[in-house]
Amino acid sequence: MTQSFWESEVEEQAQPPAAEPVAERAPEPIAEPPALALSVDDFSALEERILRTVNLVKRERLARAAAEERAALAEAQSLEQAPLVEQQQQELNALRAERDHVRQRVERLLSQLDALEL
């Protein structure tokens, strides 16, 4: 459908009826909206757009399902590795504490050596 078709229809609807006195105006029968005149090309273009939209929705649904599956798998792996992470964290904390203890001992030994050199 062309732009001019829509513009002419909008102009027809936008024009107010001729100024008649309210008392003299006959009740207008309810008119059915004019049927849309679709050319074969317009209909084919519409059909093509609908088919592309349907295919797009199908692809997006498949992509969403795949993403949800990957997310579920990642969550399961995360839950599976949580105890290992906890264990590694505890081990790291223990090693840091041991390092601090060794540093204190080395500092004490160095201070004793400094005292001997005097």
PDB file of N, CA and C in Angstrom:
ATOM      1  N   MET A   1       0.847  -1.172   0.000  1.00  0.00           N
ATOM      2  CA  MET A   1       0.000   0.000   0.000  1.00  0.00           C
ATOM      3  C   MET A   1       0.886   1.225   0.000  1.00  0.00           C
ATOM      4  N   THR A   2       0.479   2.179  -0.738  1.00  0.00           N
ATOM      5  CA  THR A   2       1.327   3.346  -0.880  1.00  0.00           C
ATOM      6  C   THR A   2       0.994   4.383   0.156  1.00  0.00           C
ATOM      7  N   GLN A   3       1.933   5.280   0.364  1.00  0.00           N
ATOM      8  CA  GLN A   3       1.754   6.365   1.332  1.00  0.00           C
ATOM      9  C   GLN A   3       0.579   7.249   0.944  1.00  0.00           C
ATOM     10  N   SER A   4       0.435   7.527  -0.350  1.00  0.00           N
ATOM     11  CA  SER A   4      -0.635   8.430  -0.776  1.00  0.00           C
ATOM     12  C   SER A   4      -2.010   7.824  -0.512  1.00  0.00           C
ATOM     13  N   PHE A   5      -2.136   6.497  -0.603  1.00  0.00           N
ATOM     14  CA  PHE A   5      -3.402   5.845  -0.306  1.00  0.00           C
ATOM     15  C   PHE A   5      -3.827   6.138   1.128  1.00  0.00           C
ATOM     16  N   TRP A   6      -2.869   5.972   2.075  1.00  0.00           N
ATOM     17  CA  TRP A   6      -3.167   6.220   3.484  1.00  0.00           C
ATOM     18  C   TRP A   6      -3.440   7.694   3.739  1.00  0.00           C
ATOM     19  N   GLU A   7      -2.661   8.573   3.092  1.00  0.00           N
ATOM     20  CA  GLU A   7      -2.848  10.003   3.301  1.00  0.00           C
ATOM     21  C   GLU A   7      -4.225  10.459   2.850  1.00  0.00           C
ATOM     22  N   SER A   8      -4.673   9.964   1.680  1.00  0.00           N
ATOM     23  CA  SER A   8      -5.983  10.381   1.192  1.00  0.00           C
ATOM     24  C   SER A   8      -7.088   9.866   2.103  1.00  0.00           C
ATOM     25  N   GLU A   9      -6.899   8.662   2.622  1.00  0.00           N
ATOM     26  CA  GLU A   9      -7.914   8.117   3.523  1.00  0.00           C
ATOM     27  C   GLU A   9      -7.960   8.895   4.830  1.00  0.00           C
ATOM     28  N   VAL A  10      -6.793   9.282   5.342  1.00  0.00           N
ATOM     29  CA  VAL A  10      -6.732  10.060   6.574  1.00  0.00           C
ATOM     30  C   VAL A  10      -7.359  11.430   6.350  1.00  0.00           C
ATOM     31  N   GLU A  11      -7.091  12.046   5.195  1.00  0.00           N
ATOM     32  CA  GLU A  11      -7.671  13.366   4.909  1.00  0.00           C
ATOM     33  C   GLU A  11      -9.185  13.278   4.852  1.00  0.00           C
ATOM     34  N   GLU A  12      -9.710  12.199   4.246  1.00  0.00           N
ATOM     35  CA  GLU A  12     -11.158  12.052   4.155  1.00  0.00           C
ATOM     36  C   GLU A  12     -11.772  11.916   5.542  1.00  0.00           C
ATOM     37  N   GLN A  13     -11.108  11.182   6.410  1.00  0.00           N
ATOM     38  CA  GLN A  13     -11.641  10.988   7.753  1.00  0.00           C
ATOM     39  C   GLN A  13     -11.481  12.241   8.593  1.00  0.00           C
ATOM     40  N   ALA A  14     -10.442  13.029   8.348  1.00  0.00           N
ATOM     41  CA  ALA A  14     -10.167  14.200   9.160  1.00  0.00           C
ATOM     42  C   ALA A  14     -11.057  15.387   8.803  1.00  0.00           C
ATOM     43  N   GLN A  15     -11.626  15.422   7.584  1.00  0.00           N
ATOM     44  CA  GLN A  15     -12.448  16.562   7.185  1.00  0.00           C
ATOM     45  C   GLN A  15     -13.780  16.516   7.926  1.00  0.00           C
ATOM     46  N   PRO A  16     -14.154  17.625   8.575  1.00  0.00           N
ATOM     47  CA  PRO A  16     -15.425  17.648   9.284  1.00  0.00           C
ATOM     48  C   PRO A  16     -16.571  17.694   8.286  1.00  0.00           C
ATOM     49  N   PRO A  17     -17.706  17.158   8.652  1.00  0.00           N
ATOM     50  CA  PRO A  17     -18.854  17.197   7.741  1.00  0.00           C
ATOM     51  C   PRO A  17     -19.299  18.655   7.549  1.00  0.00           C
ATOM     52  N   ALA A  18     -20.024  18.874   6.466  1.00  0.00           N
ATOM     53  CA  ALA A  18     -20.508  20.234   6.168  1.00  0.00           C
ATOM     54  C   ALA A  18     -21.344  20.738   7.326  1.00  0.00           C
ATOM     55  N   ALA A  19     -21.241  22.025   7.558  1.00  0.00           N
ATOM     56  CA  ALA A  19     -21.933  22.621   8.697  1.00  0.00           C
ATOM     57  C   ALA A  19     -23.428  22.671   8.425  1.00  0.00           C
ATOM     58  N   GLU A  20     -24.145  21.720   8.980  1.00  0.00           N
ATOM     59  CA  GLU A  20     -25.596  21.694   8.882  1.00  0.00           C
ATOM     60  C   GLU A  20     -26.148  21.937  10.275  1.00  0.00           C
ATOM     61  N   PRO A  21     -27.269  22.557  10.344  1.00  0.00           N
ATOM     62  CA  PRO A  21     -27.880  22.707  11.661  1.00  0.00           C
ATOM     63  C   PRO A  21     -28.137  21.326  12.254  1.00  0.00           C
ATOM     64  N   VAL A  22     -27.981  21.241  13.544  1.00  0.00           N
ATOM     65  CA  VAL A  22     -28.119  19.960  14.232  1.00  0.00           C
ATOM     66  C   VAL A  22     -29.521  19.399  14.060  1.00  0.00           C
ATOM     67  N   ALA A  23     -30.510  20.241  14.060  1.00  0.00           N
ATOM     68  CA  ALA A  23     -31.898  19.783  13.959  1.00  0.00           C
ATOM     69  C   ALA A  23     -32.186  19.219  12.584  1.00  0.00           C
ATOM     70  N   GLU A  24     -31.534  19.726  11.531  1.00  0.00           N
ATOM     71  CA  GLU A  24     -31.845  19.289  10.179  1.00  0.00           C
ATOM     72  C   GLU A  24     -31.045  18.064   9.761  1.00  0.00           C
ATOM     73  N   ARG A  25     -30.068  17.710  10.508  1.00  0.00           N
ATOM     74  CA  ARG A  25     -29.223  16.584  10.150  1.00  0.00           C
ATOM     75  C   ARG A  25     -29.985  15.281  10.342  1.00  0.00           C
ATOM     76  N   ALA A  26     -29.984  14.458   9.332  1.00  0.00           N
ATOM     77  CA  ALA A  26     -30.642  13.159   9.428  1.00  0.00           C
ATOM     78  C   ALA A  26     -29.675  12.186  10.074  1.00  0.00           C
ATOM     79  N   PRO A  27     -30.175  11.277  10.865  1.00  0.00           N
ATOM     80  CA  PRO A  27     -29.274  10.300  11.479  1.00  0.00           C
ATOM     81  C   PRO A  27     -28.577   9.493  10.387  1.00  0.00           C
ATOM     82  N   GLU A  28     -27.268   9.443  10.517  1.00  0.00           N
ATOM     83  CA  GLU A  28     -26.482   8.728   9.517  1.00  0.00           C
ATOM     84  C   GLU A  28     -26.435   7.252   9.885  1.00  0.00           C
ATOM     85  N   PRO A  29     -26.647   6.406   8.905  1.00  0.00           N
ATOM     86  CA  PRO A  29     -26.532   4.974   9.198  1.00  0.00           C
ATOM     87  C   PRO A  29     -25.064   4.650   9.485  1.00  0.00           C
ATOM     88  N   ILE A  30     -24.876   3.681  10.335  1.00  0.00           N
ATOM     89  CA  ILE A  30     -23.508   3.288  10.685  1.00  0.00           C
ATOM     90  C   ILE A  30     -22.910   2.614   9.465  1.00  0.00           C
ATOM     91  N   ALA A  31     -21.883   3.231   8.949  1.00  0.00           N
ATOM     92  CA  ALA A  31     -21.251   2.709   7.741  1.00  0.00           C
ATOM     93  C   ALA A  31     -20.121   1.774   8.126  1.00  0.00           C
ATOM     94  N   GLU A  32     -19.983   0.719   7.372  1.00  0.00           N
ATOM     95  CA  GLU A  32     -18.874  -0.197   7.598  1.00  0.00           C
ATOM     96  C   GLU A  32     -17.614   0.450   7.070  1.00  0.00           C
ATOM     97  N   PRO A  33     -16.496   0.196   7.707  1.00  0.00           N
ATOM     98  CA  PRO A  33     -15.258   0.788   7.215  1.00  0.00           C
ATOM     99  C   PRO A  33     -14.969   0.273   5.808  1.00  0.00           C
ATOM    100  N   PRO A  34     -14.393   1.114   4.989  1.00  0.00           N
ATOM    101  CA  PRO A  34     -14.113   0.674   3.618  1.00  0.00           C
ATOM    102  C   PRO A  34     -13.114  -0.478   3.642  1.00  0.00           C
ATOM    103  N   ALA A  35     -13.315  -1.414   2.751  1.00  0.00           N
ATOM    104  CA  ALA A  35     -12.419  -2.564   2.665  1.00  0.00           C
ATOM    105  C   ALA A  35     -11.061  -2.096   2.172  1.00  0.00           C
ATOM    106  N   LEU A  36     -10.034  -2.645   2.770  1.00  0.00           N
ATOM    107  CA  LEU A  36      -8.690  -2.289   2.351  1.00  0.00           C
ATOM    108  C   LEU A  36      -8.409  -2.927   1.002  1.00  0.00           C
ATOM    109  N   ALA A  37      -7.967  -2.129   0.103  1.00  0.00           N
ATOM    110  CA  ALA A  37      -7.641  -2.634  -1.229  1.00  0.00           C
ATOM    111  C   ALA A  37      -6.164  -3.002  -1.240  1.00  0.00           C
ATOM    112  N   LEU A  38      -5.898  -4.283  -1.249  1.00  0.00           N
ATOM    113  CA  LEU A  38      -4.522  -4.767  -1.265  1.00  0.00           C
ATOM    114  C   LEU A  38      -4.196  -5.288  -2.656  1.00  0.00           C
ATOM    115  N   SER A  39      -3.109  -4.823  -3.172  1.00  0.00           N
ATOM    116  CA  SER A  39      -2.672  -5.374  -4.449  1.00  0.00           C
ATOM    117  C   SER A  39      -1.968  -6.696  -4.174  1.00  0.00           C
ATOM    118  N   VAL A  40      -1.745  -7.430  -5.239  1.00  0.00           N
ATOM    119  CA  VAL A  40      -1.080  -8.723  -5.104  1.00  0.00           C
ATOM    120  C   VAL A  40       0.338  -8.526  -4.567  1.00  0.00           C
ATOM    121  N   ASP A  41       1.022  -7.482  -5.035  1.00  0.00           N
ATOM    122  CA  ASP A  41       2.380  -7.216  -4.565  1.00  0.00           C
ATOM    123  C   ASP A  41       2.381  -6.876  -3.076  1.00  0.00           C
ATOM    124  N   ASP A  42       1.406  -6.057  -2.648  1.00  0.00           N
ATOM    125  CA  ASP A  42       1.329  -5.696  -1.237  1.00  0.00           C
ATOM    126  C   ASP A  42       1.059  -6.926  -0.387  1.00  0.00           C
ATOM    127  N   PHE A  43       0.157  -7.773  -0.860  1.00  0.00           N
ATOM    128  CA  PHE A  43      -0.167  -8.980  -0.107  1.00  0.00           C
ATOM    129  C   PHE A  43       1.038  -9.908  -0.044  1.00  0.00           C
ATOM    130  N   SER A  44       1.759 -10.041  -1.148  1.00  0.00           N
ATOM    131  CA  SER A  44       2.949 -10.897  -1.180  1.00  0.00           C
ATOM    132  C   SER A  44       4.021 -10.359  -0.239  1.00  0.00           C
ATOM    133  N   ALA A  45       4.185  -9.033  -0.235  1.00  0.00           N
ATOM    134  CA  ALA A  45       5.170  -8.429   0.661  1.00  0.00           C
ATOM    135  C   ALA A  45       4.778  -8.662   2.115  1.00  0.00           C
ATOM    136  N   LEU A  46       3.501  -8.530   2.420  1.00  0.00           N
ATOM    137  CA  LEU A  46       3.013  -8.771   3.778  1.00  0.00           C
ATOM    138  C   LEU A  46       3.235 -10.228   4.170  1.00  0.00           C
ATOM    139  N   GLU A  47       2.911 -11.122   3.252  1.00  0.00           N
ATOM    140  CA  GLU A  47       3.102 -12.551   3.515  1.00  0.00           C
ATOM    141  C   GLU A  47       4.576 -12.855   3.779  1.00  0.00           C
ATOM    142  N   GLU A  48       5.458 -12.267   2.992  1.00  0.00           N
ATOM    143  CA  GLU A  48       6.898 -12.471   3.167  1.00  0.00           C
ATOM    144  C   GLU A  48       7.361 -11.947   4.525  1.00  0.00           C
ATOM    145  N   ARG A  49       6.872 -10.791   4.915  1.00  0.00           N
ATOM    146  CA  ARG A  49       7.250 -10.228   6.218  1.00  0.00           C
ATOM    147  C   ARG A  49       6.764 -11.115   7.351  1.00  0.00           C
ATOM    148  N   ILE A  50       5.563 -11.640   7.216  1.00  0.00           N
ATOM    149  CA  ILE A  50       5.023 -12.531   8.260  1.00  0.00           C
ATOM    150  C   ILE A  50       5.858 -13.789   8.350  1.00  0.00           C
ATOM    151  N   LEU A  51       6.225 -14.367   7.206  1.00  0.00           N
ATOM    152  CA  LEU A  51       7.048 -15.575   7.215  1.00  0.00           C
ATOM    153  C   LEU A  51       8.420 -15.310   7.827  1.00  0.00           C
ATOM    154  N   ARG A  52       9.021 -14.167   7.502  1.00  0.00           N
ATOM    155  CA  ARG A  52      10.312 -13.820   8.108  1.00  0.00           C
ATOM    156  C   ARG A  52      10.168 -13.651   9.613  1.00  0.00           C
ATOM    157  N   THR A  53       9.071 -13.034  10.043  1.00  0.00           N
ATOM    158  CA  THR A  53       8.840 -12.844  11.474  1.00  0.00           C
ATOM    159  C   THR A  53       8.672 -14.177  12.186  1.00  0.00           C
ATOM    160  N   VAL A  54       7.922 -15.085  11.583  1.00  0.00           N
ATOM    161  CA  VAL A  54       7.718 -16.416  12.173  1.00  0.00           C
ATOM    162  C   VAL A  54       9.057 -17.141  12.288  1.00  0.00           C
ATOM    163  N   ASN A  55       9.865 -17.076  11.242  1.00  0.00           N
ATOM    164  CA  ASN A  55      11.177 -17.727  11.290  1.00  0.00           C
ATOM    165  C   ASN A  55      12.074 -17.093  12.340  1.00  0.00           C
ATOM    166  N   LEU A  56      12.011 -15.786  12.440  1.00  0.00           N
ATOM    167  CA  LEU A  56      12.806 -15.084  13.457  1.00  0.00           C
ATOM    168  C   LEU A  56      12.391 -15.520  14.863  1.00  0.00           C
ATOM    169  N   VAL A  57      11.104 -15.612  15.103  1.00  0.00           N
ATOM    170  CA  VAL A  57      10.607 -16.041  16.421  1.00  0.00           C
ATOM    171  C   VAL A  57      11.061 -17.468  16.713  1.00  0.00           C
ATOM    172  N   LYS A  58      11.002 -18.338  15.705  1.00  0.00           N
ATOM    173  CA  LYS A  58      11.453 -19.724  15.906  1.00  0.00           C
ATOM    174  C   LYS A  58      12.933 -19.765  16.281  1.00  0.00           C
ATOM    175  N   ARG A  59      13.754 -19.003  15.539  1.00  0.00           N
ATOM    176  CA  ARG A  59      15.190 -18.979  15.839  1.00  0.00           C
ATOM    177  C   ARG A  59      15.457 -18.427  17.236  1.00  0.00           C
ATOM    178  N   GLU A  60      14.752 -17.385  17.595  1.00  0.00           N
ATOM    179  CA  GLU A  60      14.950 -16.784  18.917  1.00  0.00           C
ATOM    180  C   GLU A  60      14.525 -17.743  20.027  1.00  0.00           C
ATOM    181  N   ARG A  61      13.464 -18.481  19.811  1.00  0.00           N
ATOM    182  CA  ARG A  61      13.035 -19.461  20.818  1.00  0.00           C
ATOM    183  C   ARG A  61      14.076 -20.571  20.975  1.00  0.00           C
ATOM    184  N   LEU A  62      14.629 -21.023  19.842  1.00  0.00           N
ATOM    185  CA  LEU A  62      15.676 -22.041  19.918  1.00  0.00           C
ATOM    186  C   LEU A  62      16.909 -21.494  20.625  1.00  0.00           C
ATOM    187  N   ALA A  63      17.270 -20.277  20.304  1.00  0.00           N
ATOM    188  CA  ALA A  63      18.439 -19.658  20.955  1.00  0.00           C
ATOM    189  C   ALA A  63      18.191 -19.487  22.449  1.00  0.00           C
ATOM    190  N   ARG A  64      16.982 -19.104  22.804  1.00  0.00           N
ATOM    191  CA  ARG A  64      16.655 -18.937  24.227  1.00  0.00           C
ATOM    192  C   ARG A  64      16.728 -20.274  24.953  1.00  0.00           C
ATOM    193  N   ALA A  65      16.181 -21.318  24.329  1.00  0.00           N
ATOM    194  CA  ALA A  65      16.218 -22.642  24.953  1.00  0.00           C
ATOM    195  C   ALA A  65      17.668 -23.096  25.138  1.00  0.00           C
ATOM    196  N   ALA A  66      18.510 -22.861  24.129  1.00  0.00           N
ATOM    197  CA  ALA A  66      19.916 -23.241  24.233  1.00  0.00           C
ATOM    198  C   ALA A  66      20.608 -22.437  25.339  1.00  0.00           C
ATOM    199  N   ALA A  67      20.299 -21.156  25.430  1.00  0.00           N
ATOM    200  CA  ALA A  67      20.909 -20.314  26.474  1.00  0.00           C
ATOM    201  C   ALA A  67      20.467 -20.769  27.859  1.00  0.00           C
ATOM    202  N   GLU A  68      19.195 -21.118  27.997  1.00  0.00           N
ATOM    203  CA  GLU A  68      18.707 -21.602  29.291  1.00  0.00           C
ATOM    204  C   GLU A  68      19.384 -22.920  29.661  1.00  0.00           C
ATOM    205  N   GLU A  69      19.605 -23.769  28.663  1.00  0.00           N
ATOM    206  CA  GLU A  69      20.279 -25.045  28.908  1.00  0.00           C
ATOM    207  C   GLU A  69      21.724 -24.809  29.349  1.00  0.00           C
ATOM    208  N   ARG A  70      22.408 -23.883  28.657  1.00  0.00           N
ATOM    209  CA  ARG A  70      23.788 -23.563  29.051  1.00  0.00           C
ATOM    210  C   ARG A  70      23.831 -22.959  30.451  1.00  0.00           C
ATOM    211  N   ALA A  71      22.866 -22.132  30.778  1.00  0.00           N
ATOM    212  CA  ALA A  71      22.831 -21.513  32.113  1.00  0.00           C
ATOM    213  C   ALA A  71      22.606 -22.576  33.186  1.00  0.00           C
ATOM    214  N   ALA A  72      21.721 -23.519  32.908  1.00  0.00           N
ATOM    215  CA  ALA A  72      21.468 -24.593  33.877  1.00  0.00           C
ATOM    216  C   ALA A  72      22.724 -25.450  34.060  1.00  0.00           C
ATOM    217  N   LEU A  73      23.414 -25.728  32.968  1.00  0.00           N
ATOM    218  CA  LEU A  73      24.641 -26.515  33.042  1.00  0.00           C
ATOM    219  C   LEU A  73      25.715 -25.769  33.835  1.00  0.00           C
ATOM    220  N   ALA A  74      25.851 -24.480  33.579  1.00  0.00           N
ATOM    221  CA  ALA A  74      26.843 -23.677  34.300  1.00  0.00           C
ATOM    222  C   ALA A  74      26.511 -23.617  35.791  1.00  0.00           C
ATOM    223  N   GLU A  75      25.248 -23.500  36.113  1.00  0.00           N
ATOM    224  CA  GLU A  75      24.841 -23.468  37.522  1.00  0.00           C
ATOM    225  C   GLU A  75      25.146 -24.805  38.199  1.00  0.00           C
ATOM    226  N   ALA A  76      24.876 -25.891  37.491  1.00  0.00           N
ATOM    227  CA  ALA A  76      25.165 -27.214  38.051  1.00  0.00           C
ATOM    228  C   ALA A  76      26.667 -27.381  38.289  1.00  0.00           C
ATOM    229  N   GLN A  77      27.480 -26.935  37.338  1.00  0.00           N
ATOM    230  CA  GLN A  77      28.928 -27.021  37.509  1.00  0.00           C
ATOM    231  C   GLN A  77      29.391 -26.150  38.672  1.00  0.00           C
ATOM    232  N   SER A  78      28.788 -24.986  38.800  1.00  0.00           N
ATOM    233  CA  SER A  78      29.142 -24.088  39.899  1.00  0.00           C
ATOM    234  C   SER A  78      28.826 -24.734  41.247  1.00  0.00           C
ATOM    235  N   LEU A  79      27.661 -25.338  41.361  1.00  0.00           N
ATOM    236  CA  LEU A  79      27.288 -26.011  42.607  1.00  0.00           C
ATOM    237  C   LEU A  79      28.197 -27.211  42.873  1.00  0.00           C
ATOM    238  N   GLU A  80      28.612 -27.868  41.807  1.00  0.00           N
ATOM    239  CA  GLU A  80      29.477 -29.035  41.933  1.00  0.00           C
ATOM    240  C   GLU A  80      30.866 -28.640  42.437  1.00  0.00           C
ATOM    241  N   GLN A  81      31.343 -27.484  42.002  1.00  0.00           N
ATOM    242  CA  GLN A  81      32.693 -27.062  42.360  1.00  0.00           C
ATOM    243  C   GLN A  81      32.734 -26.199  43.618  1.00  0.00           C
ATOM    244  N   ALA A  82      31.606 -25.863  44.186  1.00  0.00           N
ATOM    245  CA  ALA A  82      31.569 -25.019  45.384  1.00  0.00           C
ATOM    246  C   ALA A  82      32.365 -25.625  46.542  1.00  0.00           C
ATOM    247  N   PRO A  83      32.243 -26.930  46.840  1.00  0.00           N
ATOM    248  CA  PRO A  83      33.050 -27.489  47.933  1.00  0.00           C
ATOM    249  C   PRO A  83      34.553 -27.393  47.663  1.00  0.00           C
ATOM    250  N   LEU A  84      34.952 -27.593  46.411  1.00  0.00           N
ATOM    251  CA  LEU A  84      36.362 -27.491  46.065  1.00  0.00           C
ATOM    252  C   LEU A  84      36.865 -26.059  46.268  1.00  0.00           C
ATOM    253  N   VAL A  85      36.064 -25.094  45.894  1.00  0.00           N
ATOM    254  CA  VAL A  85      36.438 -23.689  46.086  1.00  0.00           C
ATOM    255  C   VAL A  85      36.575 -23.385  47.572  1.00  0.00           C
ATOM    256  N   GLU A  86      35.648 -23.898  48.350  1.00  0.00           N
ATOM    257  CA  GLU A  86      35.699 -23.702  49.811  1.00  0.00           C
ATOM    258  C   GLU A  86      36.982 -24.311  50.378  1.00  0.00           C
ATOM    259  N   GLN A  87      37.320 -25.503  49.940  1.00  0.00           N
ATOM    260  CA  GLN A  87      38.526 -26.174  50.419  1.00  0.00           C
ATOM    261  C   GLN A  87      39.767 -25.383  50.016  1.00  0.00           C
ATOM    262  N   GLN A  88      39.807 -24.905  48.784  1.00  0.00           N
ATOM    263  CA  GLN A  88      40.948 -24.116  48.310  1.00  0.00           C
ATOM    264  C   GLN A  88      41.095 -22.817  49.111  1.00  0.00           C
ATOM    265  N   GLN A  89      39.971 -22.203  49.443  1.00  0.00           N
ATOM    266  CA  GLN A  89      39.991 -20.965  50.224  1.00  0.00           C
ATOM    267  C   GLN A  89      40.553 -21.220  51.625  1.00  0.00           C
ATOM    268  N   GLN A  90      40.129 -22.323  52.232  1.00  0.00           N
ATOM    269  CA  GLN A  90      40.641 -22.669  53.565  1.00  0.00           C
ATOM    270  C   GLN A  90      42.148 -22.949  53.516  1.00  0.00           C
ATOM    271  N   GLU A  91      42.560 -23.652  52.478  1.00  0.00           N
ATOM    272  CA  GLU A  91      43.982 -23.960  52.330  1.00  0.00           C
ATOM    273  C   GLU A  91      44.798 -22.686  52.125  1.00  0.00           C
ATOM    274  N   LEU A  92      44.284 -21.769  51.322  1.00  0.00           N
ATOM    275  CA  LEU A  92      44.955 -20.495  51.098  1.00  0.00           C
ATOM    276  C   LEU A  92      45.081 -19.706  52.397  1.00  0.00           C
ATOM    277  N   ASN A  93      44.025 -19.681  53.195  1.00  0.00           N
ATOM    278  CA  ASN A  93      44.069 -18.974  54.481  1.00  0.00           C
ATOM    279  C   ASN A  93      45.098 -19.610  55.418  1.00  0.00           C
ATOM    280  N   ALA A  94      45.156 -20.945  55.402  1.00  0.00           N
ATOM    281  CA  ALA A  94      46.131 -21.639  56.250  1.00  0.00           C
ATOM    282  C   ALA A  94      47.554 -21.323  55.800  1.00  0.00           C
ATOM    283  N   LEU A  95      47.787 -21.292  54.488  1.00  0.00           N
ATOM    284  CA  LEU A  95      49.117 -20.981  53.979  1.00  0.00           C
ATOM    285  C   LEU A  95      49.512 -19.534  54.298  1.00  0.00           C
ATOM    286  N   ARG A  96      48.594 -18.631  54.239  1.00  0.00           N
ATOM    287  CA  ARG A  96      48.892 -17.231  54.605  1.00  0.00           C
ATOM    288  C   ARG A  96      49.251 -17.122  56.089  1.00  0.00           C
ATOM    289  N   ALA A  97      48.490 -17.842  56.910  1.00  0.00           N
ATOM    290  CA  ALA A  97      48.785 -17.811  58.353  1.00  0.00           C
ATOM    291  C   ALA A  97      50.177 -18.399  58.611  1.00  0.00           C
ATOM    292  N   GLU A  98      50.504 -19.500  57.931  1.00  0.00           N
ATOM    293  CA  GLU A  98      51.812 -20.118  58.093  1.00  0.00           C
ATOM    294  C   GLU A  98      52.922 -19.168  57.617  1.00  0.00           C
ATOM    295  N   ARG A  99      52.695 -18.475  56.508  1.00  0.00           N
ATOM    296  CA  ARG A  99      53.668 -17.512  56.000  1.00  0.00           C
ATOM    297  C   ARG A  99      53.910 -16.393  57.014  1.00  0.00           C
ATOM    298  N   ASP A 100      52.846 -15.896  57.614  1.00  0.00           N
ATOM    299  CA  ASP A 100      52.998 -14.843  58.625  1.00  0.00           C
ATOM    300  C   ASP A 100      53.792 -15.358  59.825  1.00  0.00           C
ATOM    301  N   HIS A 101      53.520 -16.591  60.225  1.00  0.00           N
ATOM    302  CA  HIS A 101      54.247 -17.189  61.349  1.00  0.00           C
ATOM    303  C   HIS A 101      55.736 -17.320  61.012  1.00  0.00           C
ATOM    304  N   VAL A 102      56.042 -17.814  59.809  1.00  0.00           N
ATOM    305  CA  VAL A 102      57.438 -17.960  59.389  1.00  0.00           C
ATOM    306  C   VAL A 102      58.097 -16.590  59.303  1.00  0.00           C
ATOM    307  N   ARG A 103      57.399 -15.591  58.797  1.00  0.00           N
ATOM    308  CA  ARG A 103      57.963 -14.237  58.718  1.00  0.00           C
ATOM    309  C   ARG A 103      58.322 -13.719  60.121  1.00  0.00           C
ATOM    310  N   GLN A 104      57.441 -13.954  61.077  1.00  0.00           N
ATOM    311  CA  GLN A 104      57.720 -13.503  62.451  1.00  0.00           C
ATOM    312  C   GLN A 104      58.952 -14.207  63.008  1.00  0.00           C
ATOM    313  N   ARG A 105      59.087 -15.504  62.749  1.00  0.00           N
ATOM    314  CA  ARG A 105      60.253 -16.248  63.237  1.00  0.00           C
ATOM    315  C   ARG A 105      61.535 -15.746  62.600  1.00  0.00           C
ATOM    316  N   VAL A 106      61.468 -15.474  61.272  1.00  0.00           N
ATOM    317  CA  VAL A 106      62.656 -14.962  60.570  1.00  0.00           C
ATOM    318  C   VAL A 106      63.022 -13.589  61.106  1.00  0.00           C
ATOM    319  N   GLU A 107      62.057 -12.745  61.322  1.00  0.00           N
ATOM    320  CA  GLU A 107      62.332 -11.409  61.868  1.00  0.00           C
ATOM    321  C   GLU A 107      62.960 -11.511  63.262  1.00  0.00           C
ATOM    322  N   ARG A 108      62.469 -12.444  64.065  1.00  0.00           N
ATOM    323  CA  ARG A 108      63.025 -12.632  65.404  1.00  0.00           C
ATOM    324  C   ARG A 108      64.479 -13.117  65.321  1.00  0.00           C
ATOM    325  N   LEU A 109      64.722 -14.074  64.405  1.00  0.00           N
ATOM    326  CA  LEU A 109      66.094 -14.560  64.230  1.00  0.00           C
ATOM    327  C   LEU A 109      67.017 -13.446  63.726  1.00  0.00           C
ATOM    328  N   LEU A 110      66.535 -12.622  62.790  1.00  0.00           N
ATOM    329  CA  LEU A 110      67.345 -11.501  62.283  1.00  0.00           C
ATOM    330  C   LEU A 110      67.632 -10.474  63.388  1.00  0.00           C
ATOM    331  N   SER A 111      66.668 -10.254  64.213  1.00  0.00           N
ATOM    332  CA  SER A 111      66.902  -9.298  65.320  1.00  0.00           C
ATOM    333  C   SER A 111      67.920  -9.868  66.307  1.00  0.00           C
ATOM    334  N   GLN A 112      67.913 -11.201  66.517  1.00  0.00           N
ATOM    335  CA  GLN A 112      68.918 -11.827  67.403  1.00  0.00           C
ATOM    336  C   GLN A 112      70.306 -11.728  66.775  1.00  0.00           C
ATOM    337  N   LEU A 113      70.380 -11.911  65.439  1.00  0.00           N
ATOM    338  CA  LEU A 113      71.669 -11.786  64.758  1.00  0.00           C
ATOM    339  C   LEU A 113      72.185 -10.358  64.833  1.00  0.00           C
ATOM    340  N   ASP A 114      71.294  -9.398  64.691  1.00  0.00           N
ATOM    341  CA  ASP A 114      71.686  -7.988  64.814  1.00  0.00           C
ATOM    342  C   ASP A 114      72.208  -7.702  66.218  1.00  0.00           C
ATOM    343  N   ALA A 115      71.613  -8.325  67.202  1.00  0.00           N
ATOM    344  CA  ALA A 115      72.048  -8.106  68.591  1.00  0.00           C
ATOM    345  C   ALA A 115      73.435  -8.692  68.819  1.00  0.00           C
ATOM    346  N   LEU A 116      73.786  -9.803  68.164  1.00  0.00           N
ATOM    347  CA  LEU A 116      75.091 -10.423  68.312  1.00  0.00           C
ATOM    348  C   LEU A 116      76.205  -9.588  67.672  1.00  0.00           C
ATOM    349  N   GLU A 117      75.909  -8.900  66.617  1.00  0.00           N
ATOM    350  CA  GLU A 117      76.920  -8.121  65.893  1.00  0.00           C
ATOM    351  C   GLU A 117      77.312  -6.859  66.642  1.00  0.00           C
ATOM    352  N   LEU A 118      76.589  -6.436  67.589  1.00  0.00           N
ATOM    353  CA  LEU A 118      76.897  -5.209  68.290  1.00  0.00           C
ATOM    354  C   LEU A 118      78.114  -5.339  69.079  1.00  0.00           C
TER     355      LEU A 118
END
